[in-house]
Amino acid sequence: MPFRSDTLSVLAYANGFTLWSYQTPDASATVVAAGYFNAATAMLRPGDVIIANLGVGTGAPMMGFIAVVAAGAGSVTVTGFTRIGP
């Protein structure tokens, strides 16, 4: 499934850092793949952190963190998914 901007929400913003929430039925490998967040290049900045709820509605949900390492010129690069919880 492609990135959906309507499920990316700001949780907190301070000193040029934004903490985001994102929900999707997609798996972690899809979400951290090159180009997944490119449609959000105008919103995301290096150093931002995304709290991701993945696998929503699939019976295999998981939560974790994704860090934005680069954003600009229509491209967003994120780190791998770091799972939290069981």
PDB file of N, CA and C in Angstrom:
ATOM      1  N   MET A   1       0.847  -1.174   0.000  1.00  0.00           N
ATOM      2  CA  MET A   1       0.000   0.000   0.000  1.00  0.00           C
ATOM      3  C   MET A   1       0.896   1.243   0.000  1.00  0.00           C
ATOM      4  N   PRO A   2       0.547   2.265  -0.721  1.00  0.00           N
ATOM      5  CA  PRO A   2       1.380   3.478  -0.714  1.00  0.00           C
ATOM      6  C   PRO A   2       1.205   4.308   0.558  1.00  0.00           C
ATOM      7  N   PHE A   3       2.160   5.194   0.783  1.00  0.00           N
ATOM      8  CA  PHE A   3       2.111   6.131   1.901  1.00  0.00           C
ATOM      9  C   PHE A   3       0.793   6.912   1.871  1.00  0.00           C
ATOM     10  N   ARG A   4       0.201   7.104   3.055  1.00  0.00           N
ATOM     11  CA  ARG A   4      -1.030   7.891   3.180  1.00  0.00           C
ATOM     12  C   ARG A   4      -0.778   9.055   4.138  1.00  0.00           C
ATOM     13  N   SER A   5      -0.777  10.257   3.614  1.00  0.00           N
ATOM     14  CA  SER A   5      -0.491  11.430   4.436  1.00  0.00           C
ATOM     15  C   SER A   5      -1.564  11.678   5.494  1.00  0.00           C
ATOM     16  N   ASP A   6      -2.780  11.175   5.288  1.00  0.00           N
ATOM     17  CA  ASP A   6      -3.838  11.419   6.260  1.00  0.00           C
ATOM     18  C   ASP A   6      -3.659  10.627   7.555  1.00  0.00           C
ATOM     19  N   THR A   7      -2.713   9.699   7.589  1.00  0.00           N
ATOM     20  CA  THR A   7      -2.449   8.956   8.828  1.00  0.00           C
ATOM     21  C   THR A   7      -1.101   9.336   9.440  1.00  0.00           C
ATOM     22  N   LEU A   8      -0.492  10.413   8.946  1.00  0.00           N
ATOM     23  CA  LEU A   8       0.738  10.971   9.518  1.00  0.00           C
ATOM     24  C   LEU A   8       0.351  12.233  10.279  1.00  0.00           C
ATOM     25  N   SER A   9       0.547  12.223  11.596  1.00  0.00           N
ATOM     26  CA  SER A   9       0.104  13.337  12.436  1.00  0.00           C
ATOM     27  C   SER A   9       1.220  13.803  13.358  1.00  0.00           C
ATOM     28  N   VAL A  10       1.282  15.102  13.592  1.00  0.00           N
ATOM     29  CA  VAL A  10       2.252  15.674  14.526  1.00  0.00           C
ATOM     30  C   VAL A  10       1.794  15.406  15.953  1.00  0.00           C
ATOM     31  N   LEU A  11       2.699  14.858  16.755  1.00  0.00           N
ATOM     32  CA  LEU A  11       2.433  14.663  18.184  1.00  0.00           C
ATOM     33  C   LEU A  11       3.039  15.790  19.001  1.00  0.00           C
ATOM     34  N   ALA A  12       4.245  16.241  18.596  1.00  0.00           N
ATOM     35  CA  ALA A  12       4.932  17.308  19.322  1.00  0.00           C
ATOM     36  C   ALA A  12       5.948  17.966  18.396  1.00  0.00           C
ATOM     37  N   TYR A  13       6.187  19.260  18.650  1.00  0.00           N
ATOM     38  CA  TYR A  13       7.176  20.013  17.887  1.00  0.00           C
ATOM     39  C   TYR A  13       7.901  20.947  18.840  1.00  0.00           C
ATOM     40  N   ALA A  14       9.239  20.944  18.769  1.00  0.00           N
ATOM     41  CA  ALA A  14      10.035  21.859  19.585  1.00  0.00           C
ATOM     42  C   ALA A  14      11.433  21.974  19.009  1.00  0.00           C
ATOM     43  N   ASN A  15      11.945  23.182  18.956  1.00  0.00           N
ATOM     44  CA  ASN A  15      13.328  23.440  18.543  1.00  0.00           C
ATOM     45  C   ASN A  15      13.705  22.781  17.217  1.00  0.00           C
ATOM     46  N   GLY A  16      12.791  22.790  16.261  1.00  0.00           N
ATOM     47  CA  GLY A  16      13.080  22.234  14.944  1.00  0.00           C
ATOM     48  C   GLY A  16      12.953  20.723  14.850  1.00  0.00           C
ATOM     49  N   PHE A  17      12.468  20.083  15.896  1.00  0.00           N
ATOM     50  CA  PHE A  17      12.277  18.632  15.928  1.00  0.00           C
ATOM     51  C   PHE A  17      10.782  18.337  15.968  1.00  0.00           C
ATOM     52  N   THR A  18      10.353  17.373  15.170  1.00  0.00           N
ATOM     53  CA  THR A  18       8.950  16.971  15.183  1.00  0.00           C
ATOM     54  C   THR A  18       8.845  15.486  15.505  1.00  0.00           C
ATOM     55  N   LEU A  19       7.937  15.156  16.412  1.00  0.00           N
ATOM     56  CA  LEU A  19       7.606  13.776  16.734  1.00  0.00           C
ATOM     57  C   LEU A  19       6.280  13.482  16.042  1.00  0.00           C
ATOM     58  N   TRP A  20       6.277  12.453  15.216  1.00  0.00           N
ATOM     59  CA  TRP A  20       5.115  12.100  14.403  1.00  0.00           C
ATOM     60  C   TRP A  20       4.497  10.788  14.848  1.00  0.00           C
ATOM     61  N   SER A  21       3.228  10.605  14.496  1.00  0.00           N
ATOM     62  CA  SER A  21       2.537   9.328  14.620  1.00  0.00           C
ATOM     63  C   SER A  21       2.116   8.922  13.213  1.00  0.00           C
ATOM     64  N   TYR A  22       2.294   7.635  12.881  1.00  0.00           N
ATOM     65  CA  TYR A  22       1.893   7.132  11.561  1.00  0.00           C
ATOM     66  C   TYR A  22       1.285   5.752  11.713  1.00  0.00           C
ATOM     67  N   GLN A  23       0.143   5.519  11.060  1.00  0.00           N
ATOM     68  CA  GLN A  23      -0.524   4.219  11.090  1.00  0.00           C
ATOM     69  C   GLN A  23      -0.723   3.706   9.675  1.00  0.00           C
ATOM     70  N   THR A  24      -0.481   2.414   9.492  1.00  0.00           N
ATOM     71  CA  THR A  24      -0.639   1.804   8.179  1.00  0.00           C
ATOM     72  C   THR A  24      -0.780   0.297   8.325  1.00  0.00           C
ATOM     73  N   PRO A  25      -1.446  -0.354   7.380  1.00  0.00           N
ATOM     74  CA  PRO A  25      -1.465  -1.811   7.386  1.00  0.00           C
ATOM     75  C   PRO A  25      -0.165  -2.401   6.827  1.00  0.00           C
ATOM     76  N   ASP A  26       0.711  -1.550   6.296  1.00  0.00           N
ATOM     77  CA  ASP A  26       1.959  -2.007   5.682  1.00  0.00           C
ATOM     78  C   ASP A  26       2.910  -2.625   6.707  1.00  0.00           C
ATOM     79  N   ALA A  27       3.767  -3.512   6.217  1.00  0.00           N
ATOM     80  CA  ALA A  27       4.812  -4.141   7.033  1.00  0.00           C
ATOM     81  C   ALA A  27       6.017  -3.214   7.129  1.00  0.00           C
ATOM     82  N   SER A  28       6.887  -3.473   8.096  1.00  0.00           N
ATOM     83  CA  SER A  28       8.054  -2.616   8.316  1.00  0.00           C
ATOM     84  C   SER A  28       8.967  -2.549   7.095  1.00  0.00           C
ATOM     85  N   ALA A  29       9.171  -3.641   6.395  1.00  0.00           N
ATOM     86  CA  ALA A  29      10.053  -3.636   5.216  1.00  0.00           C
ATOM     87  C   ALA A  29       9.529  -2.682   4.145  1.00  0.00           C
ATOM     88  N   THR A  30       8.231  -2.587   4.010  1.00  0.00           N
ATOM     89  CA  THR A  30       7.626  -1.673   3.025  1.00  0.00           C
ATOM     90  C   THR A  30       7.814  -0.225   3.446  1.00  0.00           C
ATOM     91  N   VAL A  31       7.560   0.049   4.725  1.00  0.00           N
ATOM     92  CA  VAL A  31       7.598   1.426   5.227  1.00  0.00           C
ATOM     93  C   VAL A  31       9.001   2.023   5.216  1.00  0.00           C
ATOM     94  N   VAL A  32      10.021   1.231   5.455  1.00  0.00           N
ATOM     95  CA  VAL A  32      11.386   1.769   5.466  1.00  0.00           C
ATOM     96  C   VAL A  32      12.070   1.658   4.099  1.00  0.00           C
ATOM     97  N   ALA A  33      11.386   1.128   3.106  1.00  0.00           N
ATOM     98  CA  ALA A  33      11.971   1.009   1.764  1.00  0.00           C
ATOM     99  C   ALA A  33      12.175   2.385   1.143  1.00  0.00           C
ATOM    100  N   ALA A  34      13.155   2.474   0.289  1.00  0.00           N
ATOM    101  CA  ALA A  34      13.461   3.735  -0.401  1.00  0.00           C
ATOM    102  C   ALA A  34      12.218   4.265  -1.110  1.00  0.00           C
ATOM    103  N   GLY A  35      11.938   5.535  -0.894  1.00  0.00           N
ATOM    104  CA  GLY A  35      10.850   6.204  -1.588  1.00  0.00           C
ATOM    105  C   GLY A  35       9.494   6.170  -0.906  1.00  0.00           C
ATOM    106  N   TYR A  36       9.322   5.361   0.126  1.00  0.00           N
ATOM    107  CA  TYR A  36       7.999   5.226   0.749  1.00  0.00           C
ATOM    108  C   TYR A  36       7.455   6.570   1.236  1.00  0.00           C
ATOM    109  N   PHE A  37       8.268   7.362   1.917  1.00  0.00           N
ATOM    110  CA  PHE A  37       7.814   8.630   2.485  1.00  0.00           C
ATOM    111  C   PHE A  37       8.064   9.832   1.558  1.00  0.00           C
ATOM    112  N   ASN A  38       8.427   9.619   0.310  1.00  0.00           N
ATOM    113  CA  ASN A  38       8.745  10.738  -0.584  1.00  0.00           C
ATOM    114  C   ASN A  38       7.616  11.751  -0.723  1.00  0.00           C
ATOM    115  N   ALA A  39       6.378  11.321  -0.654  1.00  0.00           N
ATOM    116  CA  ALA A  39       5.244  12.245  -0.765  1.00  0.00           C
ATOM    117  C   ALA A  39       5.161  13.197   0.431  1.00  0.00           C
ATOM    118  N   ALA A  40       5.891  12.895   1.503  1.00  0.00           N
ATOM    119  CA  ALA A  40       5.881  13.735   2.703  1.00  0.00           C
ATOM    120  C   ALA A  40       7.134  14.604   2.805  1.00  0.00           C
ATOM    121  N   THR A  41       7.847  14.763   1.707  1.00  0.00           N
ATOM    122  CA  THR A  41       9.116  15.500   1.749  1.00  0.00           C
ATOM    123  C   THR A  41       8.958  16.940   2.237  1.00  0.00           C
ATOM    124  N   ALA A  42       7.802  17.552   2.017  1.00  0.00           N
ATOM    125  CA  ALA A  42       7.582  18.926   2.466  1.00  0.00           C
ATOM    126  C   ALA A  42       7.322  19.005   3.964  1.00  0.00           C
ATOM    127  N   MET A  43       6.992  17.873   4.595  1.00  0.00           N
ATOM    128  CA  MET A  43       6.672  17.863   6.021  1.00  0.00           C
ATOM    129  C   MET A  43       7.817  17.351   6.887  1.00  0.00           C
ATOM    130  N   LEU A  44       8.514  16.334   6.423  1.00  0.00           N
ATOM    131  CA  LEU A  44       9.536  15.669   7.235  1.00  0.00           C
ATOM    132  C   LEU A  44      10.897  16.340   7.097  1.00  0.00           C
ATOM    133  N   ARG A  45      11.663  16.317   8.194  1.00  0.00           N
ATOM    134  CA  ARG A  45      13.014  16.895   8.208  1.00  0.00           C
ATOM    135  C   ARG A  45      13.974  15.926   8.872  1.00  0.00           C
ATOM    136  N   PRO A  46      15.251  16.017   8.510  1.00  0.00           N
ATOM    137  CA  PRO A  46      16.244  15.168   9.189  1.00  0.00           C
ATOM    138  C   PRO A  46      16.181  15.377  10.700  1.00  0.00           C
ATOM    139  N   GLY A  47      16.217  14.282  11.443  1.00  0.00           N
ATOM    140  CA  GLY A  47      16.141  14.342  12.895  1.00  0.00           C
ATOM    141  C   GLY A  47      14.745  14.106  13.434  1.00  0.00           C
ATOM    142  N   ASP A  48      13.725  14.195  12.585  1.00  0.00           N
ATOM    143  CA  ASP A  48      12.376  13.887  13.030  1.00  0.00           C
ATOM    144  C   ASP A  48      12.275  12.408  13.378  1.00  0.00           C
ATOM    145  N   VAL A  49      11.350  12.080  14.281  1.00  0.00           N
ATOM    146  CA  VAL A  49      11.111  10.689  14.677  1.00  0.00           C
ATOM    147  C   VAL A  49       9.637  10.376  14.442  1.00  0.00           C
ATOM    148  N   ILE A  50       9.399   9.197  13.890  1.00  0.00           N
ATOM    149  CA  ILE A  50       8.038   8.737  13.628  1.00  0.00           C
ATOM    150  C   ILE A  50       7.753   7.541  14.536  1.00  0.00           C
ATOM    151  N   ILE A  51       6.707   7.653  15.343  1.00  0.00           N
ATOM    152  CA  ILE A  51       6.212   6.498  16.088  1.00  0.00           C
ATOM    153  C   ILE A  51       5.232   5.817  15.146  1.00  0.00           C
ATOM    154  N   ALA A  52       5.584   4.621  14.710  1.00  0.00           N
ATOM    155  CA  ALA A  52       4.807   3.936  13.680  1.00  0.00           C
ATOM    156  C   ALA A  52       4.018   2.765  14.238  1.00  0.00           C
ATOM    157  N   ASN A  53       2.755   2.721  13.894  1.00  0.00           N
ATOM    158  CA  ASN A  53       1.890   1.580  14.183  1.00  0.00           C
ATOM    159  C   ASN A  53       1.701   0.863  12.847  1.00  0.00           C
ATOM    160  N   LEU A  54       2.362  -0.262  12.686  1.00  0.00           N
ATOM    161  CA  LEU A  54       2.364  -0.980  11.420  1.00  0.00           C
ATOM    162  C   LEU A  54       1.498  -2.231  11.495  1.00  0.00           C
ATOM    163  N   GLY A  55       1.093  -2.726  10.340  1.00  0.00           N
ATOM    164  CA  GLY A  55       0.275  -3.926  10.294  1.00  0.00           C
ATOM    165  C   GLY A  55      -1.112  -3.716  10.866  1.00  0.00           C
ATOM    166  N   VAL A  56      -1.590  -2.474  10.901  1.00  0.00           N
ATOM    167  CA  VAL A  56      -2.903  -2.158  11.464  1.00  0.00           C
ATOM    168  C   VAL A  56      -3.989  -2.877  10.650  1.00  0.00           C
ATOM    169  N   GLY A  57      -4.832  -3.637  11.346  1.00  0.00           N
ATOM    170  CA  GLY A  57      -5.925  -4.350  10.697  1.00  0.00           C
ATOM    171  C   GLY A  57      -5.529  -5.653  10.024  1.00  0.00           C
ATOM    172  N   THR A  58      -4.281  -6.079  10.195  1.00  0.00           N
ATOM    173  CA  THR A  58      -3.820  -7.298   9.527  1.00  0.00           C
ATOM    174  C   THR A  58      -3.740  -8.496  10.461  1.00  0.00           C
ATOM    175  N   GLY A  59      -3.925  -8.281  11.739  1.00  0.00           N
ATOM    176  CA  GLY A  59      -3.778  -9.359  12.704  1.00  0.00           C
ATOM    177  C   GLY A  59      -2.351  -9.523  13.192  1.00  0.00           C
ATOM    178  N   ALA A  60      -1.429  -8.724  12.648  1.00  0.00           N
ATOM    179  CA  ALA A  60      -0.025  -8.778  13.070  1.00  0.00           C
ATOM    180  C   ALA A  60       0.499  -7.358  13.308  1.00  0.00           C
ATOM    181  N   PRO A  61      -0.161  -6.594  14.199  1.00  0.00           N
ATOM    182  CA  PRO A  61       0.287  -5.220  14.424  1.00  0.00           C
ATOM    183  C   PRO A  61       1.585  -5.155  15.207  1.00  0.00           C
ATOM    184  N   MET A  62       2.325  -4.093  14.985  1.00  0.00           N
ATOM    185  CA  MET A  62       3.536  -3.834  15.768  1.00  0.00           C
ATOM    186  C   MET A  62       3.767  -2.336  15.832  1.00  0.00           C
ATOM    187  N   MET A  63       4.471  -1.915  16.872  1.00  0.00           N
ATOM    188  CA  MET A  63       4.769  -0.500  17.070  1.00  0.00           C
ATOM    189  C   MET A  63       6.274  -0.333  17.181  1.00  0.00           C
ATOM    190  N   GLY A  64       6.756   0.826  16.701  1.00  0.00           N
ATOM    191  CA  GLY A  64       8.179   1.098  16.804  1.00  0.00           C
ATOM    192  C   GLY A  64       8.517   2.495  16.341  1.00  0.00           C
ATOM    193  N   PHE A  65       9.812   2.744  16.236  1.00  0.00           N
ATOM    194  CA  PHE A  65      10.326   4.060  15.865  1.00  0.00           C
ATOM    195  C   PHE A  65      11.019   4.012  14.510  1.00  0.00           C
ATOM    196  N   ILE A  66      10.869   5.101  13.771  1.00  0.00           N
ATOM    197  CA  ILE A  66      11.567   5.303  12.507  1.00  0.00           C
ATOM    198  C   ILE A  66      12.161   6.709  12.582  1.00  0.00           C
ATOM    199  N   ALA A  67      13.427   6.863  12.238  1.00  0.00           N
ATOM    200  CA  ALA A  67      14.064   8.179  12.247  1.00  0.00           C
ATOM    201  C   ALA A  67      14.256   8.665  10.815  1.00  0.00           C
ATOM    202  N   VAL A  68      14.001   9.954  10.614  1.00  0.00           N
ATOM    203  CA  VAL A  68      14.226  10.575   9.312  1.00  0.00           C
ATOM    204  C   VAL A  68      15.680  11.026   9.274  1.00  0.00           C
ATOM    205  N   VAL A  69      16.449  10.534   8.295  1.00  0.00           N
ATOM    206  CA  VAL A  69      17.859  10.903   8.214  1.00  0.00           C
ATOM    207  C   VAL A  69      18.140  11.909   7.104  1.00  0.00           C
ATOM    208  N   ALA A  70      17.248  12.006   6.112  1.00  0.00           N
ATOM    209  CA  ALA A  70      17.417  12.989   5.047  1.00  0.00           C
ATOM    210  C   ALA A  70      16.055  13.285   4.431  1.00  0.00           C
ATOM    211  N   ALA A  71      15.853  14.529   4.023  1.00  0.00           N
ATOM    212  CA  ALA A  71      14.616  14.926   3.360  1.00  0.00           C
ATOM    213  C   ALA A  71      14.872  16.164   2.522  1.00  0.00           C
ATOM    214  N   GLY A  72      14.418  16.140   1.294  1.00  0.00           N
ATOM    215  CA  GLY A  72      14.563  17.285   0.418  1.00  0.00           C
ATOM    216  C   GLY A  72      14.602  16.855  -1.036  1.00  0.00           C
ATOM    217  N   ALA A  73      14.322  17.777  -1.927  1.00  0.00           N
ATOM    218  CA  ALA A  73      14.339  17.529  -3.373  1.00  0.00           C
ATOM    219  C   ALA A  73      13.461  16.331  -3.744  1.00  0.00           C
ATOM    220  N   GLY A  74      12.306  16.200  -3.072  1.00  0.00           N
ATOM    221  CA  GLY A  74      11.362  15.141  -3.388  1.00  0.00           C
ATOM    222  C   GLY A  74      11.721  13.767  -2.868  1.00  0.00           C
ATOM    223  N   SER A  75      12.692  13.697  -1.963  1.00  0.00           N
ATOM    224  CA  SER A  75      13.147  12.406  -1.460  1.00  0.00           C
ATOM    225  C   SER A  75      13.268  12.422   0.059  1.00  0.00           C
ATOM    226  N   VAL A  76      12.823  11.334   0.694  1.00  0.00           N
ATOM    227  CA  VAL A  76      12.945  11.165   2.141  1.00  0.00           C
ATOM    228  C   VAL A  76      13.652   9.844   2.400  1.00  0.00           C
ATOM    229  N   THR A  77      14.662   9.876   3.269  1.00  0.00           N
ATOM    230  CA  THR A  77      15.380   8.667   3.669  1.00  0.00           C
ATOM    231  C   THR A  77      15.152   8.458   5.158  1.00  0.00           C
ATOM    232  N   VAL A  78      14.759   7.231   5.522  1.00  0.00           N
ATOM    233  CA  VAL A  78      14.530   6.892   6.918  1.00  0.00           C
ATOM    234  C   VAL A  78      15.409   5.723   7.318  1.00  0.00           C
ATOM    235  N   THR A  79      15.586   5.572   8.633  1.00  0.00           N
ATOM    236  CA  THR A  79      16.323   4.416   9.150  1.00  0.00           C
ATOM    237  C   THR A  79      15.405   3.209   9.198  1.00  0.00           C
ATOM    238  N   GLY A  80      15.963   2.089   9.558  1.00  0.00           N
ATOM    239  CA  GLY A  80      15.159   0.890   9.751  1.00  0.00           C
ATOM    240  C   GLY A  80      14.193   1.049  10.901  1.00  0.00           C
ATOM    241  N   PHE A  81      13.216   0.205  10.936  1.00  0.00           N
ATOM    242  CA  PHE A  81      12.187   0.202  11.966  1.00  0.00           C
ATOM    243  C   PHE A  81      12.737  -0.430  13.238  1.00  0.00           C
ATOM    244  N   THR A  82      12.626   0.262  14.379  1.00  0.00           N
ATOM    245  CA  THR A  82      13.037  -0.268  15.668  1.00  0.00           C
ATOM    246  C   THR A  82      11.785  -0.598  16.467  1.00  0.00           C
ATOM    247  N   ARG A  83      11.510  -1.873  16.570  1.00  0.00           N
ATOM    248  CA  ARG A  83      10.275  -2.320  17.215  1.00  0.00           C
ATOM    249  C   ARG A  83      10.334  -2.127  18.731  1.00  0.00           C
ATOM    250  N   ILE A  84       9.181  -1.761  19.308  1.00  0.00           N
ATOM    251  CA  ILE A  84       9.036  -1.697  20.757  1.00  0.00           C
ATOM    252  C   ILE A  84       7.860  -2.582  21.143  1.00  0.00           C
ATOM    253  N   GLY A  85       7.935  -3.174  22.291  1.00  0.00           N
ATOM    254  CA  GLY A  85       6.870  -4.045  22.755  1.00  0.00           C
ATOM    255  C   GLY A  85       7.048  -5.471  22.250  1.00  0.00           C
ATOM    256  N   PRO A  86       6.027  -6.302  22.524  1.00  0.00           N
ATOM    257  CA  PRO A  86       6.134  -7.725  22.166  1.00  0.00           C
ATOM    258  C   PRO A  86       6.072  -7.963  20.668  1.00  0.00           C
TER     259      PRO A  86
END
